[in-house]
Amino acid sequence: ADPGPLDLPPPEGLDARGLKAWIEFQGSEFGRAFATGPKGQFGWGSGYPSGAAAAEVALEVCAGEENHACTIYMIDEARQ
């Protein structure tokens, strides 16, 4: 079953674009993960077969071309 919006406080350090992404993430399908970086970077994915698969995508998106040191903030409904 798809989750309802989580309505949780966002990770620290997100700009307006990151906050919008956080809101979208909270209403997305399970098999989802949200990653953050030290300078406001973020990445997320949803609809994957597992939270772990989504976490790999979220970390890759967050790291970007500069290979930022990102960490997973949330998988499905669980803070990491």
PDB file of N, CA and C in Angstrom:
ATOM      1  N   ALA A   1       0.848  -1.193   0.000  1.00  0.00           N
ATOM      2  CA  ALA A   1       0.000   0.000   0.000  1.00  0.00           C
ATOM      3  C   ALA A   1       0.880   1.238   0.000  1.00  0.00           C
ATOM      4  N   ASP A   2       0.441   2.217  -0.727  1.00  0.00           N
ATOM      5  CA  ASP A   2       1.175   3.477  -0.756  1.00  0.00           C
ATOM      6  C   ASP A   2       0.965   4.227   0.549  1.00  0.00           C
ATOM      7  N   PRO A   3       2.006   4.874   1.029  1.00  0.00           N
ATOM      8  CA  PRO A   3       1.904   5.622   2.282  1.00  0.00           C
ATOM      9  C   PRO A   3       1.179   6.939   2.066  1.00  0.00           C
ATOM     10  N   GLY A   4       0.672   7.486   3.144  1.00  0.00           N
ATOM     11  CA  GLY A   4       0.190   8.860   3.109  1.00  0.00           C
ATOM     12  C   GLY A   4       1.371   9.780   3.344  1.00  0.00           C
ATOM     13  N   PRO A   5       1.183  11.075   3.162  1.00  0.00           N
ATOM     14  CA  PRO A   5       2.272  12.009   3.445  1.00  0.00           C
ATOM     15  C   PRO A   5       2.748  11.865   4.892  1.00  0.00           C
ATOM     16  N   LEU A   6       4.036  11.928   5.085  1.00  0.00           N
ATOM     17  CA  LEU A   6       4.607  11.746   6.419  1.00  0.00           C
ATOM     18  C   LEU A   6       4.493  12.998   7.285  1.00  0.00           C
ATOM     19  N   ASP A   7       4.609  14.165   6.672  1.00  0.00           N
ATOM     20  CA  ASP A   7       4.555  15.429   7.396  1.00  0.00           C
ATOM     21  C   ASP A   7       5.596  15.489   8.513  1.00  0.00           C
ATOM     22  N   LEU A   8       6.819  15.129   8.176  1.00  0.00           N
ATOM     23  CA  LEU A   8       7.931  15.176   9.129  1.00  0.00           C
ATOM     24  C   LEU A   8       8.779  16.414   8.879  1.00  0.00           C
ATOM     25  N   PRO A   9       9.488  16.885   9.900  1.00  0.00           N
ATOM     26  CA  PRO A   9      10.380  18.020   9.669  1.00  0.00           C
ATOM     27  C   PRO A   9      11.476  17.645   8.672  1.00  0.00           C
ATOM     28  N   PRO A  10      11.886  18.585   7.841  1.00  0.00           N
ATOM     29  CA  PRO A  10      12.906  18.279   6.831  1.00  0.00           C
ATOM     30  C   PRO A  10      14.296  18.149   7.439  1.00  0.00           C
ATOM     31  N   PRO A  11      15.185  17.510   6.702  1.00  0.00           N
ATOM     32  CA  PRO A  11      16.583  17.491   7.128  1.00  0.00           C
ATOM     33  C   PRO A  11      17.114  18.928   7.189  1.00  0.00           C
ATOM     34  N   GLU A  12      18.082  19.165   8.045  1.00  0.00           N
ATOM     35  CA  GLU A  12      18.680  20.497   8.149  1.00  0.00           C
ATOM     36  C   GLU A  12      19.494  20.824   6.904  1.00  0.00           C
ATOM     37  N   GLY A  13      19.532  22.109   6.558  1.00  0.00           N
ATOM     38  CA  GLY A  13      20.420  22.582   5.510  1.00  0.00           C
ATOM     39  C   GLY A  13      19.841  22.593   4.110  1.00  0.00           C
ATOM     40  N   LEU A  14      18.575  22.229   3.933  1.00  0.00           N
ATOM     41  CA  LEU A  14      17.993  22.232   2.590  1.00  0.00           C
ATOM     42  C   LEU A  14      17.566  23.641   2.200  1.00  0.00           C
ATOM     43  N   ASP A  15      17.799  23.995   0.932  1.00  0.00           N
ATOM     44  CA  ASP A  15      17.301  25.263   0.409  1.00  0.00           C
ATOM     45  C   ASP A  15      15.861  25.057  -0.078  1.00  0.00           C
ATOM     46  N   ALA A  16      15.282  26.053  -0.721  1.00  0.00           N
ATOM     47  CA  ALA A  16      13.889  25.966  -1.163  1.00  0.00           C
ATOM     48  C   ALA A  16      13.670  24.778  -2.099  1.00  0.00           C
ATOM     49  N   ARG A  17      14.630  24.533  -2.987  1.00  0.00           N
ATOM     50  CA  ARG A  17      14.518  23.401  -3.908  1.00  0.00           C
ATOM     51  C   ARG A  17      14.540  22.073  -3.145  1.00  0.00           C
ATOM     52  N   GLY A  18      15.418  21.998  -2.158  1.00  0.00           N
ATOM     53  CA  GLY A  18      15.502  20.792  -1.339  1.00  0.00           C
ATOM     54  C   GLY A  18      14.256  20.571  -0.500  1.00  0.00           C
ATOM     55  N   LEU A  19      13.684  21.657   0.024  1.00  0.00           N
ATOM     56  CA  LEU A  19      12.455  21.538   0.814  1.00  0.00           C
ATOM     57  C   LEU A  19      11.299  21.051  -0.049  1.00  0.00           C
ATOM     58  N   LYS A  20      11.239  21.535  -1.294  1.00  0.00           N
ATOM     59  CA  LYS A  20      10.196  21.071  -2.215  1.00  0.00           C
ATOM     60  C   LYS A  20      10.375  19.575  -2.483  1.00  0.00           C
ATOM     61  N   ALA A  21      11.617  19.152  -2.682  1.00  0.00           N
ATOM     62  CA  ALA A  21      11.894  17.732  -2.914  1.00  0.00           C
ATOM     63  C   ALA A  21      11.501  16.899  -1.699  1.00  0.00           C
ATOM     64  N   TRP A  22      11.759  17.403  -0.502  1.00  0.00           N
ATOM     65  CA  TRP A  22      11.415  16.691   0.729  1.00  0.00           C
ATOM     66  C   TRP A  22       9.898  16.474   0.811  1.00  0.00           C
ATOM     67  N   ILE A  23       9.135  17.495   0.468  1.00  0.00           N
ATOM     68  CA  ILE A  23       7.678  17.384   0.491  1.00  0.00           C
ATOM     69  C   ILE A  23       7.218  16.335  -0.529  1.00  0.00           C
ATOM     70  N   GLU A  24       7.797  16.372  -1.722  1.00  0.00           N
ATOM     71  CA  GLU A  24       7.452  15.371  -2.750  1.00  0.00           C
ATOM     72  C   GLU A  24       7.809  13.966  -2.278  1.00  0.00           C
ATOM     73  N   PHE A  25       8.989  13.824  -1.677  1.00  0.00           N
ATOM     74  CA  PHE A  25       9.439  12.524  -1.180  1.00  0.00           C
ATOM     75  C   PHE A  25       8.444  11.938  -0.185  1.00  0.00           C
ATOM     76  N   GLN A  26       7.953  12.770   0.719  1.00  0.00           N
ATOM     77  CA  GLN A  26       7.071  12.264   1.779  1.00  0.00           C
ATOM     78  C   GLN A  26       5.776  11.663   1.234  1.00  0.00           C
ATOM     79  N   GLY A  27       5.332  12.102   0.073  1.00  0.00           N
ATOM     80  CA  GLY A  27       4.124  11.553  -0.532  1.00  0.00           C
ATOM     81  C   GLY A  27       4.387  10.503  -1.587  1.00  0.00           C
ATOM     82  N   SER A  28       5.642  10.103  -1.744  1.00  0.00           N
ATOM     83  CA  SER A  28       5.998   9.175  -2.820  1.00  0.00           C
ATOM     84  C   SER A  28       5.794   7.715  -2.402  1.00  0.00           C
ATOM     85  N   GLU A  29       5.907   6.833  -3.386  1.00  0.00           N
ATOM     86  CA  GLU A  29       5.722   5.398  -3.166  1.00  0.00           C
ATOM     87  C   GLU A  29       6.828   4.817  -2.301  1.00  0.00           C
ATOM     88  N   PHE A  30       6.488   3.710  -1.601  1.00  0.00           N
ATOM     89  CA  PHE A  30       7.517   2.980  -0.862  1.00  0.00           C
ATOM     90  C   PHE A  30       8.563   2.441  -1.831  1.00  0.00           C
ATOM     91  N   GLY A  31       9.648   1.932  -1.248  1.00  0.00           N
ATOM     92  CA  GLY A  31      10.832   1.664  -2.035  1.00  0.00           C
ATOM     93  C   GLY A  31      11.473   3.010  -2.293  1.00  0.00           C
ATOM     94  N   ARG A  32      11.545   3.821  -1.216  1.00  0.00           N
ATOM     95  CA  ARG A  32      11.999   5.206  -1.349  1.00  0.00           C
ATOM     96  C   ARG A  32      13.093   5.520  -0.333  1.00  0.00           C
ATOM     97  N   ALA A  33      13.909   6.494  -0.688  1.00  0.00           N
ATOM     98  CA  ALA A  33      14.981   6.942   0.203  1.00  0.00           C
ATOM     99  C   ALA A  33      15.313   8.395  -0.105  1.00  0.00           C
ATOM    100  N   PHE A  34      15.773   9.106   0.922  1.00  0.00           N
ATOM    101  CA  PHE A  34      16.183  10.506   0.795  1.00  0.00           C
ATOM    102  C   PHE A  34      17.576  10.627   1.391  1.00  0.00           C
ATOM    103  N   ALA A  35      18.486  11.226   0.627  1.00  0.00           N
ATOM    104  CA  ALA A  35      19.867  11.417   1.076  1.00  0.00           C
ATOM    105  C   ALA A  35      20.188  12.904   1.136  1.00  0.00           C
ATOM    106  N   THR A  36      21.086  13.269   2.042  1.00  0.00           N
ATOM    107  CA  THR A  36      21.520  14.656   2.170  1.00  0.00           C
ATOM    108  C   THR A  36      23.039  14.727   2.211  1.00  0.00           C
ATOM    109  N   GLY A  37      23.549  15.911   1.840  1.00  0.00           N
ATOM    110  CA  GLY A  37      24.982  16.154   1.857  1.00  0.00           C
ATOM    111  C   GLY A  37      25.336  17.285   2.800  1.00  0.00           C
ATOM    112  N   PRO A  38      26.632  17.518   3.001  1.00  0.00           N
ATOM    113  CA  PRO A  38      27.092  18.487   3.984  1.00  0.00           C
ATOM    114  C   PRO A  38      26.804  19.948   3.642  1.00  0.00           C
ATOM    115  N   LYS A  39      26.548  20.235   2.370  1.00  0.00           N
ATOM    116  CA  LYS A  39      26.326  21.633   1.970  1.00  0.00           C
ATOM    117  C   LYS A  39      24.960  21.818   1.323  1.00  0.00           C
ATOM    118  N   GLY A  40      23.970  21.079   1.805  1.00  0.00           N
ATOM    119  CA  GLY A  40      22.614  21.225   1.296  1.00  0.00           C
ATOM    120  C   GLY A  40      22.283  20.361   0.091  1.00  0.00           C
ATOM    121  N   GLN A  41      23.209  19.526  -0.337  1.00  0.00           N
ATOM    122  CA  GLN A  41      22.915  18.623  -1.451  1.00  0.00           C
ATOM    123  C   GLN A  41      21.840  17.638  -1.002  1.00  0.00           C
ATOM    124  N   PHE A  42      21.108  17.111  -1.968  1.00  0.00           N
ATOM    125  CA  PHE A  42      20.098  16.110  -1.648  1.00  0.00           C
ATOM    126  C   PHE A  42      19.859  15.250  -2.878  1.00  0.00           C
ATOM    127  N   GLY A  43      19.267  14.121  -2.642  1.00  0.00           N
ATOM    128  CA  GLY A  43      18.832  13.242  -3.710  1.00  0.00           C
ATOM    129  C   GLY A  43      17.809  12.284  -3.149  1.00  0.00           C
ATOM    130  N   TRP A  44      16.899  11.841  -3.999  1.00  0.00           N
ATOM    131  CA  TRP A  44      15.925  10.863  -3.531  1.00  0.00           C
ATOM    132  C   TRP A  44      15.432  10.023  -4.686  1.00  0.00           C
ATOM    133  N   GLY A  45      14.848   8.903  -4.333  1.00  0.00           N
ATOM    134  CA  GLY A  45      14.246   8.026  -5.305  1.00  0.00           C
ATOM    135  C   GLY A  45      13.079   7.310  -4.663  1.00  0.00           C
ATOM    136  N   SER A  46      12.107   6.905  -5.472  1.00  0.00           N
ATOM    137  CA  SER A  46      10.963   6.157  -4.947  1.00  0.00           C
ATOM    138  C   SER A  46      10.451   5.191  -6.002  1.00  0.00           C
ATOM    139  N   GLY A  47       9.653   4.223  -5.540  1.00  0.00           N
ATOM    140  CA  GLY A  47       9.077   3.234  -6.445  1.00  0.00           C
ATOM    141  C   GLY A  47      10.032   2.118  -6.811  1.00  0.00           C
ATOM    142  N   TYR A  48      11.108   1.953  -6.054  1.00  0.00           N
ATOM    143  CA  TYR A  48      12.080   0.887  -6.309  1.00  0.00           C
ATOM    144  C   TYR A  48      11.642  -0.389  -5.595  1.00  0.00           C
ATOM    145  N   PRO A  49      12.212  -1.543  -5.989  1.00  0.00           N
ATOM    146  CA  PRO A  49      11.806  -2.807  -5.364  1.00  0.00           C
ATOM    147  C   PRO A  49      12.061  -2.853  -3.857  1.00  0.00           C
ATOM    148  N   SER A  50      13.010  -2.052  -3.385  1.00  0.00           N
ATOM    149  CA  SER A  50      13.321  -2.036  -1.956  1.00  0.00           C
ATOM    150  C   SER A  50      13.840  -0.661  -1.555  1.00  0.00           C
ATOM    151  N   GLY A  51      13.818  -0.417  -0.259  1.00  0.00           N
ATOM    152  CA  GLY A  51      14.398   0.815   0.251  1.00  0.00           C
ATOM    153  C   GLY A  51      15.889   0.880  -0.018  1.00  0.00           C
ATOM    154  N   ALA A  52      16.544  -0.282   0.030  1.00  0.00           N
ATOM    155  CA  ALA A  52      17.990  -0.315  -0.221  1.00  0.00           C
ATOM    156  C   ALA A  52      18.300   0.095  -1.662  1.00  0.00           C
ATOM    157  N   ALA A  53      17.496  -0.355  -2.607  1.00  0.00           N
ATOM    158  CA  ALA A  53      17.699   0.031  -4.007  1.00  0.00           C
ATOM    159  C   ALA A  53      17.485   1.537  -4.172  1.00  0.00           C
ATOM    160  N   ALA A  54      16.456   2.068  -3.511  1.00  0.00           N
ATOM    161  CA  ALA A  54      16.200   3.509  -3.570  1.00  0.00           C
ATOM    162  C   ALA A  54      17.335   4.286  -2.928  1.00  0.00           C
ATOM    163  N   ALA A  55      17.915   3.742  -1.856  1.00  0.00           N
ATOM    164  CA  ALA A  55      19.019   4.413  -1.166  1.00  0.00           C
ATOM    165  C   ALA A  55      20.229   4.562  -2.080  1.00  0.00           C
ATOM    166  N   GLU A  56      20.508   3.537  -2.884  1.00  0.00           N
ATOM    167  CA  GLU A  56      21.637   3.616  -3.819  1.00  0.00           C
ATOM    168  C   GLU A  56      21.426   4.766  -4.800  1.00  0.00           C
ATOM    169  N   VAL A  57      20.204   4.886  -5.323  1.00  0.00           N
ATOM    170  CA  VAL A  57      19.885   5.959  -6.265  1.00  0.00           C
ATOM    171  C   VAL A  57      19.977   7.314  -5.579  1.00  0.00           C
ATOM    172  N   ALA A  58      19.395   7.428  -4.388  1.00  0.00           N
ATOM    173  CA  ALA A  58      19.407   8.698  -3.658  1.00  0.00           C
ATOM    174  C   ALA A  58      20.837   9.163  -3.386  1.00  0.00           C
ATOM    175  N   LEU A  59      21.709   8.239  -2.991  1.00  0.00           N
ATOM    176  CA  LEU A  59      23.110   8.595  -2.721  1.00  0.00           C
ATOM    177  C   LEU A  59      23.815   9.035  -3.997  1.00  0.00           C
ATOM    178  N   GLU A  60      23.552   8.351  -5.085  1.00  0.00           N
ATOM    179  CA  GLU A  60      24.194   8.691  -6.363  1.00  0.00           C
ATOM    180  C   GLU A  60      23.750  10.083  -6.834  1.00  0.00           C
ATOM    181  N   VAL A  61      22.449  10.357  -6.742  1.00  0.00           N
ATOM    182  CA  VAL A  61      21.929  11.670  -7.153  1.00  0.00           C
ATOM    183  C   VAL A  61      22.504  12.765  -6.257  1.00  0.00           C
ATOM    184  N   CYS A  62      22.518  12.517  -4.966  1.00  0.00           N
ATOM    185  CA  CYS A  62      23.038  13.500  -4.013  1.00  0.00           C
ATOM    186  C   CYS A  62      24.523  13.775  -4.247  1.00  0.00           C
ATOM    187  N   ALA A  63      25.290  12.722  -4.472  1.00  0.00           N
ATOM    188  CA  ALA A  63      26.735  12.875  -4.651  1.00  0.00           C
ATOM    189  C   ALA A  63      27.064  13.715  -5.876  1.00  0.00           C
ATOM    190  N   GLY A  64      26.290  13.536  -6.953  1.00  0.00           N
ATOM    191  CA  GLY A  64      26.488  14.319  -8.158  1.00  0.00           C
ATOM    192  C   GLY A  64      27.870  14.135  -8.759  1.00  0.00           C
ATOM    193  N   GLU A  65      28.210  15.010  -9.678  1.00  0.00           N
ATOM    194  CA  GLU A  65      29.494  14.909 -10.377  1.00  0.00           C
ATOM    195  C   GLU A  65      30.671  15.235  -9.458  1.00  0.00           C
ATOM    196  N   GLU A  66      30.415  16.033  -8.409  1.00  0.00           N
ATOM    197  CA  GLU A  66      31.508  16.390  -7.496  1.00  0.00           C
ATOM    198  C   GLU A  66      31.735  15.343  -6.419  1.00  0.00           C
ATOM    199  N   ASN A  67      30.926  14.274  -6.411  1.00  0.00           N
ATOM    200  CA  ASN A  67      31.082  13.169  -5.472  1.00  0.00           C
ATOM    201  C   ASN A  67      31.008  13.637  -4.016  1.00  0.00           C
ATOM    202  N   HIS A  68      29.964  14.401  -3.699  1.00  0.00           N
ATOM    203  CA  HIS A  68      29.758  14.862  -2.326  1.00  0.00           C
ATOM    204  C   HIS A  68      29.587  13.675  -1.383  1.00  0.00           C
ATOM    205  N   ALA A  69      29.996  13.861  -0.138  1.00  0.00           N
ATOM    206  CA  ALA A  69      29.860  12.825   0.885  1.00  0.00           C
ATOM    207  C   ALA A  69      28.444  12.882   1.460  1.00  0.00           C
ATOM    208  N   CYS A  70      27.531  12.155   0.847  1.00  0.00           N
ATOM    209  CA  CYS A  70      26.131  12.170   1.261  1.00  0.00           C
ATOM    210  C   CYS A  70      25.822  10.975   2.155  1.00  0.00           C
ATOM    211  N   THR A  71      24.778  11.114   2.944  1.00  0.00           N
ATOM    212  CA  THR A  71      24.321  10.035   3.804  1.00  0.00           C
ATOM    213  C   THR A  71      22.808   9.888   3.641  1.00  0.00           C
ATOM    214  N   ILE A  72      22.320   8.703   3.937  1.00  0.00           N
ATOM    215  CA  ILE A  72      20.881   8.451   3.873  1.00  0.00           C
ATOM    216  C   ILE A  72      20.215   9.061   5.103  1.00  0.00           C
ATOM    217  N   TYR A  73      19.178   9.839   4.853  1.00  0.00           N
ATOM    218  CA  TYR A  73      18.405  10.471   5.928  1.00  0.00           C
ATOM    219  C   TYR A  73      17.189   9.615   6.279  1.00  0.00           C
ATOM    220  N   MET A  74      16.543   9.031   5.269  1.00  0.00           N
ATOM    221  CA  MET A  74      15.339   8.241   5.524  1.00  0.00           C
ATOM    222  C   MET A  74      15.166   7.188   4.440  1.00  0.00           C
ATOM    223  N   ILE A  75      14.720   6.012   4.865  1.00  0.00           N
ATOM    224  CA  ILE A  75      14.298   4.949   3.941  1.00  0.00           C
ATOM    225  C   ILE A  75      12.870   4.582   4.313  1.00  0.00           C
ATOM    226  N   ASP A  76      11.979   4.627   3.336  1.00  0.00           N
ATOM    227  CA  ASP A  76      10.552   4.427   3.541  1.00  0.00           C
ATOM    228  C   ASP A  76      10.075   5.336   4.676  1.00  0.00           C
ATOM    229  N   GLU A  77       9.733   4.783   5.846  1.00  0.00           N
ATOM    230  CA  GLU A  77       9.283   5.628   6.954  1.00  0.00           C
ATOM    231  C   GLU A  77      10.276   5.657   8.111  1.00  0.00           C
ATOM    232  N   ALA A  78      11.477   5.162   7.881  1.00  0.00           N
ATOM    233  CA  ALA A  78      12.456   5.027   8.960  1.00  0.00           C
ATOM    234  C   ALA A  78      13.611   6.019   8.828  1.00  0.00           C
ATOM    235  N   ARG A  79      13.794   6.843   9.854  1.00  0.00           N
ATOM    236  CA  ARG A  79      14.964   7.717   9.905  1.00  0.00           C
ATOM    237  C   ARG A  79      16.206   6.850  10.047  1.00  0.00           C
ATOM    238  N   GLN A  80      17.275   7.253   9.397  1.00  0.00           N
ATOM    239  CA  GLN A  80      18.518   6.465   9.421  1.00  0.00           C
ATOM    240  C   GLN A  80      19.554   7.105  10.323  1.00  0.00           C
TER     241      GLN A  80
END
